[in-house]
């Protein structure tokens, strides 16, 4: 469990099924997540069942962002590559909790985890140019543009 000020990053639990179902099936987020069809509860329950697999095996790990034990978002490490010592980062915060600094706290905590626990040397993310909030967030913690819509943070 990672703790930073008001938020906590923790593993997915079965009690998160409704929260995950709501986020994954929110069509307004599909553009950034690459989702094209809705997920069933059964699919997401199966995902949660395997969500605690070691990142080296699964290639990804998803943290729930909690604020005083209320799930307010998700932050992921994906495309984990232990040989290249890098991974991708994705984050989503529920609309009513945006622009309050929680995403920045979560991203900073995830970066510390990636550097210290996973010994990564680089994180990367893809952000569409019209996603001004995400661009500002990732730039604020040091990510730099390397190509159109692609940003990296080096250790």
N, C-alpha and C. Protein backbone atom coordinates (compact mmCIF):
# COMPACT_ATOMS: atom_id res chain seq x y z
N UNK A 1 0.84 -1.18 0.00
CA UNK A 1 0.00 0.00 0.00
C UNK A 1 0.89 1.24 0.00
N UNK A 2 0.59 2.19 -0.88
CA UNK A 2 1.34 3.43 -0.96
C UNK A 2 0.47 4.55 -0.43
N UNK A 3 1.04 5.39 0.44
CA UNK A 3 0.24 6.48 1.02
C UNK A 3 0.93 7.82 0.78
N UNK A 4 0.16 8.79 0.31
CA UNK A 4 0.65 10.14 0.08
C UNK A 4 -0.42 11.10 0.54
N UNK A 5 -0.13 11.87 1.58
CA UNK A 5 -1.05 12.86 2.12
C UNK A 5 -2.47 12.31 2.24
N UNK A 6 -3.37 12.78 1.39
CA UNK A 6 -4.78 12.44 1.53
C UNK A 6 -5.20 11.19 0.77
N UNK A 7 -4.38 10.76 -0.17
CA UNK A 7 -4.79 9.62 -0.98
C UNK A 7 -3.94 8.39 -0.67
N UNK A 8 -4.48 7.24 -1.01
CA UNK A 8 -3.77 5.97 -0.87
C UNK A 8 -3.90 5.22 -2.18
N UNK A 9 -2.84 4.57 -2.61
CA UNK A 9 -2.88 3.67 -3.75
C UNK A 9 -2.90 2.26 -3.22
N UNK A 10 -3.86 1.48 -3.69
CA UNK A 10 -3.97 0.09 -3.21
C UNK A 10 -4.38 -0.82 -4.36
N UNK A 11 -4.26 -2.11 -4.12
CA UNK A 11 -4.65 -3.12 -5.11
C UNK A 11 -6.16 -3.17 -5.27
N UNK A 12 -6.59 -3.63 -6.44
CA UNK A 12 -8.02 -3.87 -6.67
C UNK A 12 -8.53 -4.98 -5.77
N UNK A 13 -9.74 -4.83 -5.27
CA UNK A 13 -10.41 -5.85 -4.46
C UNK A 13 -11.76 -6.15 -5.10
N UNK A 14 -12.37 -7.27 -4.70
CA UNK A 14 -13.69 -7.61 -5.25
C UNK A 14 -14.74 -6.55 -4.92
N UNK A 15 -14.54 -5.85 -3.82
CA UNK A 15 -15.49 -4.80 -3.45
C UNK A 15 -15.44 -3.62 -4.43
N UNK A 16 -14.45 -3.59 -5.31
CA UNK A 16 -14.30 -2.52 -6.30
C UNK A 16 -15.05 -2.82 -7.60
N UNK A 17 -15.76 -3.94 -7.67
CA UNK A 17 -16.39 -4.35 -8.93
C UNK A 17 -17.33 -3.28 -9.49
N UNK A 18 -18.22 -2.74 -8.68
CA UNK A 18 -19.16 -1.72 -9.18
C UNK A 18 -18.41 -0.46 -9.63
N UNK A 19 -17.41 -0.05 -8.88
CA UNK A 19 -16.60 1.11 -9.24
C UNK A 19 -15.90 0.88 -10.57
N UNK A 20 -15.27 -0.27 -10.71
CA UNK A 20 -14.55 -0.61 -11.94
C UNK A 20 -15.51 -0.71 -13.12
N UNK A 21 -16.67 -1.32 -12.90
CA UNK A 21 -17.69 -1.44 -13.94
C UNK A 21 -18.11 -0.06 -14.44
N UNK A 22 -18.32 0.86 -13.52
CA UNK A 22 -18.72 2.22 -13.90
C UNK A 22 -17.66 2.94 -14.70
N UNK A 23 -16.41 2.84 -14.28
CA UNK A 23 -15.33 3.52 -14.99
C UNK A 23 -15.06 2.89 -16.35
N UNK A 24 -14.94 1.58 -16.38
CA UNK A 24 -14.60 0.90 -17.64
C UNK A 24 -15.69 1.05 -18.69
N UNK A 25 -16.92 1.23 -18.26
CA UNK A 25 -18.03 1.35 -19.21
C UNK A 25 -18.50 2.79 -19.42
N UNK A 26 -17.71 3.74 -18.95
CA UNK A 26 -17.99 5.15 -19.17
C UNK A 26 -17.49 5.51 -20.58
N UNK A 27 -18.42 5.64 -21.50
CA UNK A 27 -18.07 5.87 -22.91
C UNK A 27 -17.27 7.15 -23.14
N UNK A 28 -17.36 8.10 -22.23
CA UNK A 28 -16.59 9.35 -22.40
C UNK A 28 -15.10 9.10 -22.21
N UNK A 29 -14.73 7.97 -21.61
CA UNK A 29 -13.32 7.64 -21.37
C UNK A 29 -12.75 6.69 -22.42
N UNK A 30 -13.59 6.16 -23.26
CA UNK A 30 -13.14 5.14 -24.21
C UNK A 30 -12.08 5.64 -25.18
N UNK A 31 -12.13 6.90 -25.55
CA UNK A 31 -11.14 7.44 -26.49
C UNK A 31 -9.73 7.30 -25.93
N UNK A 32 -9.55 7.59 -24.66
CA UNK A 32 -8.22 7.54 -24.07
C UNK A 32 -7.81 6.14 -23.64
N UNK A 33 -8.78 5.27 -23.39
CA UNK A 33 -8.45 3.93 -22.94
C UNK A 33 -8.35 2.92 -24.08
N UNK A 34 -8.86 3.30 -25.25
CA UNK A 34 -8.84 2.36 -26.38
C UNK A 34 -9.96 1.35 -26.34
N UNK A 35 -10.89 1.51 -25.41
CA UNK A 35 -12.02 0.59 -25.28
C UNK A 35 -13.00 0.83 -26.43
N UNK A 36 -13.55 -0.27 -26.97
CA UNK A 36 -14.51 -0.14 -28.07
C UNK A 36 -15.85 -0.81 -27.78
N UNK A 37 -15.88 -1.68 -26.77
CA UNK A 37 -17.14 -2.34 -26.40
C UNK A 37 -17.23 -2.41 -24.88
N UNK A 38 -18.44 -2.44 -24.34
CA UNK A 38 -18.60 -2.50 -22.88
C UNK A 38 -18.04 -3.80 -22.29
N UNK A 39 -17.65 -3.73 -21.04
CA UNK A 39 -17.21 -4.90 -20.29
C UNK A 39 -18.39 -5.43 -19.47
N UNK A 40 -18.48 -6.74 -19.33
CA UNK A 40 -19.50 -7.34 -18.48
C UNK A 40 -18.96 -7.41 -17.05
N UNK A 41 -19.87 -7.58 -16.10
CA UNK A 41 -19.44 -7.75 -14.71
C UNK A 41 -18.58 -9.00 -14.57
N UNK A 42 -18.92 -10.05 -15.30
CA UNK A 42 -18.16 -11.29 -15.24
C UNK A 42 -16.72 -11.07 -15.72
N UNK A 43 -16.55 -10.34 -16.82
CA UNK A 43 -15.21 -10.04 -17.32
C UNK A 43 -14.40 -9.26 -16.29
N UNK A 44 -15.03 -8.27 -15.68
CA UNK A 44 -14.31 -7.44 -14.72
C UNK A 44 -14.03 -8.19 -13.42
N UNK A 45 -14.94 -9.06 -13.01
CA UNK A 45 -14.69 -9.90 -11.82
C UNK A 45 -13.49 -10.80 -12.07
N UNK A 46 -13.40 -11.35 -13.27
CA UNK A 46 -12.26 -12.19 -13.63
C UNK A 46 -10.97 -11.36 -13.63
N UNK A 47 -11.06 -10.13 -14.14
CA UNK A 47 -9.90 -9.24 -14.14
C UNK A 47 -9.43 -8.97 -12.71
N UNK A 48 -10.38 -8.67 -11.83
CA UNK A 48 -10.02 -8.41 -10.42
C UNK A 48 -9.38 -9.64 -9.79
N UNK A 49 -9.89 -10.80 -10.13
CA UNK A 49 -9.36 -12.06 -9.60
C UNK A 49 -7.87 -12.20 -9.91
N UNK A 50 -7.47 -11.73 -11.08
CA UNK A 50 -6.07 -11.86 -11.51
C UNK A 50 -5.27 -10.58 -11.33
N UNK A 51 -5.88 -9.56 -10.76
CA UNK A 51 -5.25 -8.24 -10.67
C UNK A 51 -4.06 -8.19 -9.72
N UNK A 52 -3.91 -9.17 -8.86
CA UNK A 52 -2.80 -9.15 -7.90
C UNK A 52 -1.60 -9.95 -8.39
N UNK A 53 -1.68 -10.42 -9.64
CA UNK A 53 -0.54 -11.13 -10.20
C UNK A 53 0.67 -10.20 -10.22
N UNK A 54 1.83 -10.78 -10.07
CA UNK A 54 3.07 -10.01 -10.11
C UNK A 54 3.16 -9.27 -11.45
N UNK A 55 3.60 -8.04 -11.40
CA UNK A 55 3.71 -7.23 -12.61
C UNK A 55 4.64 -7.88 -13.64
N UNK A 56 5.63 -8.64 -13.18
CA UNK A 56 6.54 -9.31 -14.09
C UNK A 56 5.84 -10.40 -14.90
N UNK A 57 4.78 -10.96 -14.34
CA UNK A 57 4.01 -12.00 -15.04
C UNK A 57 2.90 -11.37 -15.87
N UNK A 58 2.15 -10.47 -15.26
CA UNK A 58 0.99 -9.88 -15.93
C UNK A 58 1.37 -8.78 -16.92
N UNK A 59 2.49 -8.12 -16.70
CA UNK A 59 2.90 -7.02 -17.57
C UNK A 59 2.21 -5.71 -17.24
N UNK A 60 1.37 -5.74 -16.21
CA UNK A 60 0.65 -4.53 -15.81
C UNK A 60 0.25 -4.65 -14.35
N UNK A 61 -0.07 -3.51 -13.76
CA UNK A 61 -0.62 -3.50 -12.41
C UNK A 61 -1.48 -2.27 -12.26
N UNK A 62 -2.66 -2.46 -11.70
CA UNK A 62 -3.62 -1.36 -11.53
C UNK A 62 -3.79 -1.08 -10.05
N UNK A 63 -3.65 0.19 -9.69
CA UNK A 63 -3.90 0.66 -8.33
C UNK A 63 -5.21 1.42 -8.30
N UNK A 64 -5.96 1.26 -7.22
CA UNK A 64 -7.12 2.09 -6.95
C UNK A 64 -6.63 3.30 -6.17
N UNK A 65 -7.09 4.48 -6.54
CA UNK A 65 -6.76 5.70 -5.81
C UNK A 65 -7.89 5.93 -4.82
N UNK A 66 -7.57 5.82 -3.54
CA UNK A 66 -8.55 6.00 -2.47
C UNK A 66 -8.36 7.37 -1.80
N UNK A 67 -9.46 7.99 -1.48
CA UNK A 67 -9.47 9.21 -0.68
C UNK A 67 -10.33 8.90 0.54
N UNK A 68 -9.69 8.78 1.70
CA UNK A 68 -10.41 8.42 2.92
C UNK A 68 -11.30 7.19 2.71
N UNK A 69 -10.73 6.15 2.13
CA UNK A 69 -11.37 4.85 1.84
C UNK A 69 -12.46 4.91 0.77
N UNK A 70 -12.55 6.00 0.02
CA UNK A 70 -13.49 6.10 -1.10
C UNK A 70 -12.67 6.04 -2.39
N UNK A 71 -13.02 5.10 -3.27
CA UNK A 71 -12.32 4.98 -4.54
C UNK A 71 -12.68 6.17 -5.42
N UNK A 72 -11.64 6.92 -5.85
CA UNK A 72 -11.88 8.10 -6.68
C UNK A 72 -11.22 7.99 -8.06
N UNK A 73 -10.44 6.94 -8.27
CA UNK A 73 -9.77 6.79 -9.56
C UNK A 73 -8.91 5.55 -9.62
N UNK A 74 -8.26 5.42 -10.76
CA UNK A 74 -7.36 4.29 -11.01
C UNK A 74 -6.07 4.83 -11.61
N UNK A 75 -4.96 4.18 -11.30
CA UNK A 75 -3.69 4.51 -11.93
C UNK A 75 -2.99 3.20 -12.25
N UNK A 76 -2.52 3.10 -13.48
CA UNK A 76 -1.98 1.83 -13.98
C UNK A 76 -0.53 1.96 -14.42
N UNK A 77 0.17 0.86 -14.23
CA UNK A 77 1.43 0.62 -14.92
C UNK A 77 1.11 -0.46 -15.95
N UNK A 78 1.46 -0.23 -17.20
CA UNK A 78 1.18 -1.21 -18.25
C UNK A 78 2.40 -1.31 -19.17
N UNK A 79 2.39 -2.31 -20.05
CA UNK A 79 3.54 -2.55 -20.94
C UNK A 79 4.84 -2.62 -20.15
N UNK A 80 4.76 -3.23 -18.95
CA UNK A 80 5.95 -3.36 -18.10
C UNK A 80 6.98 -4.23 -18.81
N UNK A 81 8.22 -3.74 -18.86
CA UNK A 81 9.31 -4.48 -19.49
C UNK A 81 10.50 -4.43 -18.54
N UNK A 82 10.74 -5.54 -17.85
CA UNK A 82 11.81 -5.55 -16.85
C UNK A 82 13.18 -5.47 -17.51
N UNK A 83 13.32 -5.99 -18.74
CA UNK A 83 14.62 -5.92 -19.42
C UNK A 83 14.98 -4.49 -19.81
N UNK A 84 14.00 -3.76 -20.32
CA UNK A 84 14.24 -2.36 -20.70
C UNK A 84 14.04 -1.42 -19.52
N UNK A 85 13.54 -1.95 -18.41
CA UNK A 85 13.29 -1.19 -17.19
C UNK A 85 12.36 -0.01 -17.44
N UNK A 86 11.24 -0.29 -18.14
CA UNK A 86 10.27 0.76 -18.37
C UNK A 86 8.85 0.23 -18.32
N UNK A 87 7.91 1.16 -18.28
CA UNK A 87 6.48 0.83 -18.27
C UNK A 87 5.69 2.05 -18.68
N UNK A 88 4.46 1.81 -19.11
CA UNK A 88 3.54 2.89 -19.42
C UNK A 88 2.75 3.26 -18.18
N UNK A 89 2.18 4.46 -18.20
CA UNK A 89 1.37 4.96 -17.09
C UNK A 89 0.05 5.49 -17.64
N UNK A 90 -1.03 5.14 -16.96
CA UNK A 90 -2.35 5.68 -17.29
C UNK A 90 -3.08 6.02 -16.01
N UNK A 91 -3.91 7.04 -16.06
CA UNK A 91 -4.63 7.47 -14.85
C UNK A 91 -6.00 7.99 -15.23
N UNK A 92 -6.96 7.73 -14.37
CA UNK A 92 -8.30 8.31 -14.51
C UNK A 92 -8.83 8.64 -13.12
N UNK A 93 -9.43 9.80 -13.01
CA UNK A 93 -10.03 10.27 -11.75
C UNK A 93 -11.50 10.55 -12.03
N UNK A 94 -12.37 10.15 -11.12
CA UNK A 94 -13.78 10.48 -11.27
C UNK A 94 -13.96 11.99 -11.42
N UNK A 95 -14.89 12.37 -12.24
CA UNK A 95 -15.08 13.78 -12.61
C UNK A 95 -15.17 14.72 -11.39
N UNK A 96 -15.92 14.32 -10.37
CA UNK A 96 -16.12 15.24 -9.23
C UNK A 96 -14.86 15.42 -8.37
N UNK A 97 -13.82 14.60 -8.60
CA UNK A 97 -12.58 14.72 -7.84
C UNK A 97 -11.44 15.31 -8.67
N UNK A 98 -11.71 15.70 -9.90
CA UNK A 98 -10.68 16.26 -10.76
C UNK A 98 -10.37 17.70 -10.35
N UNK A 99 -9.16 18.13 -10.72
CA UNK A 99 -8.68 19.50 -10.48
C UNK A 99 -8.57 19.85 -9.00
N UNK A 100 -8.28 18.82 -8.19
CA UNK A 100 -8.11 19.03 -6.75
C UNK A 100 -6.72 18.56 -6.28
N UNK A 101 -5.87 18.16 -7.22
CA UNK A 101 -4.52 17.73 -6.89
C UNK A 101 -4.36 16.24 -6.62
N UNK A 102 -5.45 15.48 -6.64
CA UNK A 102 -5.36 14.05 -6.32
C UNK A 102 -4.61 13.27 -7.39
N UNK A 103 -4.82 13.61 -8.66
CA UNK A 103 -4.12 12.92 -9.75
C UNK A 103 -2.62 13.14 -9.64
N UNK A 104 -2.23 14.36 -9.32
CA UNK A 104 -0.80 14.67 -9.18
C UNK A 104 -0.19 13.90 -8.02
N UNK A 105 -0.90 13.84 -6.89
CA UNK A 105 -0.41 13.06 -5.74
C UNK A 105 -0.26 11.59 -6.12
N UNK A 106 -1.26 11.05 -6.80
CA UNK A 106 -1.22 9.64 -7.19
C UNK A 106 -0.08 9.37 -8.16
N UNK A 107 0.09 10.25 -9.13
CA UNK A 107 1.15 10.08 -10.12
C UNK A 107 2.53 10.14 -9.47
N UNK A 108 2.72 11.07 -8.56
CA UNK A 108 4.00 11.16 -7.85
C UNK A 108 4.26 9.90 -7.02
N UNK A 109 3.23 9.37 -6.38
CA UNK A 109 3.39 8.15 -5.59
C UNK A 109 3.74 6.97 -6.49
N UNK A 110 3.08 6.90 -7.65
CA UNK A 110 3.37 5.81 -8.58
C UNK A 110 4.79 5.91 -9.12
N UNK A 111 5.24 7.11 -9.41
CA UNK A 111 6.61 7.30 -9.89
C UNK A 111 7.61 6.83 -8.85
N UNK A 112 7.40 7.21 -7.59
CA UNK A 112 8.30 6.75 -6.51
C UNK A 112 8.30 5.22 -6.44
N UNK A 113 7.13 4.61 -6.55
CA UNK A 113 7.02 3.15 -6.53
C UNK A 113 7.80 2.54 -7.70
N UNK A 114 7.64 3.12 -8.88
CA UNK A 114 8.31 2.61 -10.07
C UNK A 114 9.83 2.70 -9.95
N UNK A 115 10.31 3.81 -9.40
CA UNK A 115 11.76 3.99 -9.26
C UNK A 115 12.32 3.10 -8.14
N UNK A 116 11.69 3.14 -6.97
CA UNK A 116 12.24 2.46 -5.79
C UNK A 116 11.96 0.97 -5.74
N UNK A 117 10.73 0.58 -5.94
CA UNK A 117 10.35 -0.83 -5.79
C UNK A 117 10.61 -1.65 -7.05
N UNK A 118 10.30 -1.07 -8.21
CA UNK A 118 10.44 -1.81 -9.46
C UNK A 118 11.76 -1.54 -10.17
N UNK A 119 12.49 -0.55 -9.69
CA UNK A 119 13.79 -0.18 -10.26
C UNK A 119 13.71 0.18 -11.74
N UNK A 120 12.61 0.83 -12.11
CA UNK A 120 12.46 1.25 -13.50
C UNK A 120 13.31 2.49 -13.76
N UNK A 121 13.66 2.67 -15.02
CA UNK A 121 14.47 3.82 -15.43
C UNK A 121 13.68 4.80 -16.30
N UNK A 122 12.51 4.31 -16.81
CA UNK A 122 11.72 5.19 -17.68
C UNK A 122 10.24 4.83 -17.59
N UNK A 123 9.41 5.87 -17.61
CA UNK A 123 7.96 5.71 -17.71
C UNK A 123 7.52 6.44 -18.97
N UNK A 124 6.47 5.93 -19.60
CA UNK A 124 5.97 6.58 -20.81
C UNK A 124 4.44 6.63 -20.77
N UNK A 125 3.89 7.54 -21.55
CA UNK A 125 2.44 7.66 -21.65
C UNK A 125 2.08 8.25 -22.99
N UNK A 126 0.87 7.97 -23.42
CA UNK A 126 0.34 8.58 -24.64
C UNK A 126 -0.81 9.50 -24.27
N UNK A 127 -0.77 10.72 -24.77
CA UNK A 127 -1.81 11.70 -24.44
C UNK A 127 -2.21 12.43 -25.72
N UNK A 128 -3.50 12.42 -26.03
CA UNK A 128 -3.98 13.18 -27.18
C UNK A 128 -3.80 14.67 -26.92
N UNK A 129 -3.50 15.41 -27.98
CA UNK A 129 -3.21 16.84 -27.83
C UNK A 129 -4.38 17.66 -27.31
N UNK A 130 -5.61 17.16 -27.46
CA UNK A 130 -6.77 17.91 -26.94
C UNK A 130 -7.06 17.62 -25.47
N UNK A 131 -6.29 16.73 -24.85
CA UNK A 131 -6.49 16.39 -23.44
C UNK A 131 -5.59 17.29 -22.59
N UNK A 132 -5.99 18.55 -22.49
CA UNK A 132 -5.18 19.58 -21.83
C UNK A 132 -4.88 19.26 -20.37
N UNK A 133 -5.86 18.70 -19.65
CA UNK A 133 -5.65 18.39 -18.23
C UNK A 133 -4.56 17.33 -18.05
N UNK A 134 -4.59 16.27 -18.85
CA UNK A 134 -3.56 15.23 -18.75
C UNK A 134 -2.20 15.76 -19.17
N UNK A 135 -2.18 16.56 -20.22
CA UNK A 135 -0.90 17.14 -20.65
C UNK A 135 -0.29 17.96 -19.52
N UNK A 136 -1.09 18.80 -18.89
CA UNK A 136 -0.60 19.63 -17.79
C UNK A 136 -0.13 18.77 -16.62
N UNK A 137 -0.89 17.73 -16.29
CA UNK A 137 -0.53 16.84 -15.18
C UNK A 137 0.82 16.17 -15.41
N UNK A 138 0.97 15.52 -16.55
CA UNK A 138 2.21 14.78 -16.80
C UNK A 138 3.41 15.71 -16.97
N UNK A 139 3.20 16.86 -17.58
CA UNK A 139 4.30 17.83 -17.69
C UNK A 139 4.69 18.37 -16.32
N UNK A 140 3.72 18.55 -15.43
CA UNK A 140 3.99 19.09 -14.09
C UNK A 140 4.90 18.19 -13.27
N UNK A 141 4.89 16.88 -13.55
CA UNK A 141 5.76 15.97 -12.79
C UNK A 141 7.02 15.59 -13.58
N UNK A 142 7.22 16.24 -14.72
CA UNK A 142 8.48 16.07 -15.43
C UNK A 142 8.47 15.29 -16.73
N UNK A 143 7.33 14.79 -17.15
CA UNK A 143 7.28 14.07 -18.44
C UNK A 143 7.56 15.06 -19.57
N UNK A 144 8.28 14.57 -20.58
CA UNK A 144 8.62 15.42 -21.72
C UNK A 144 8.18 14.75 -23.01
N UNK A 145 7.76 15.57 -23.94
CA UNK A 145 7.30 15.06 -25.24
C UNK A 145 8.48 14.53 -26.04
N UNK A 146 8.31 13.32 -26.60
CA UNK A 146 9.34 12.74 -27.46
C UNK A 146 8.86 12.62 -28.90
N UNK A 147 7.56 12.46 -29.08
CA UNK A 147 6.91 12.39 -30.38
C UNK A 147 5.48 12.87 -30.20
N UNK A 148 4.80 13.06 -31.30
CA UNK A 148 3.39 13.46 -31.22
C UNK A 148 2.64 12.51 -30.29
N UNK A 149 1.99 13.06 -29.27
CA UNK A 149 1.18 12.32 -28.31
C UNK A 149 1.96 11.36 -27.41
N UNK A 150 3.27 11.34 -27.45
CA UNK A 150 4.09 10.44 -26.62
C UNK A 150 5.02 11.21 -25.71
N UNK A 151 4.98 10.86 -24.43
CA UNK A 151 5.74 11.55 -23.40
C UNK A 151 6.49 10.54 -22.55
N UNK A 152 7.69 10.92 -22.07
CA UNK A 152 8.48 10.03 -21.23
C UNK A 152 9.00 10.79 -20.01
N UNK A 153 9.29 10.00 -18.99
CA UNK A 153 9.96 10.50 -17.79
C UNK A 153 11.10 9.55 -17.52
N UNK A 154 12.32 10.09 -17.50
CA UNK A 154 13.49 9.28 -17.22
C UNK A 154 13.95 9.49 -15.80
N UNK A 155 14.46 8.44 -15.22
CA UNK A 155 14.95 8.50 -13.84
C UNK A 155 16.23 9.26 -13.77
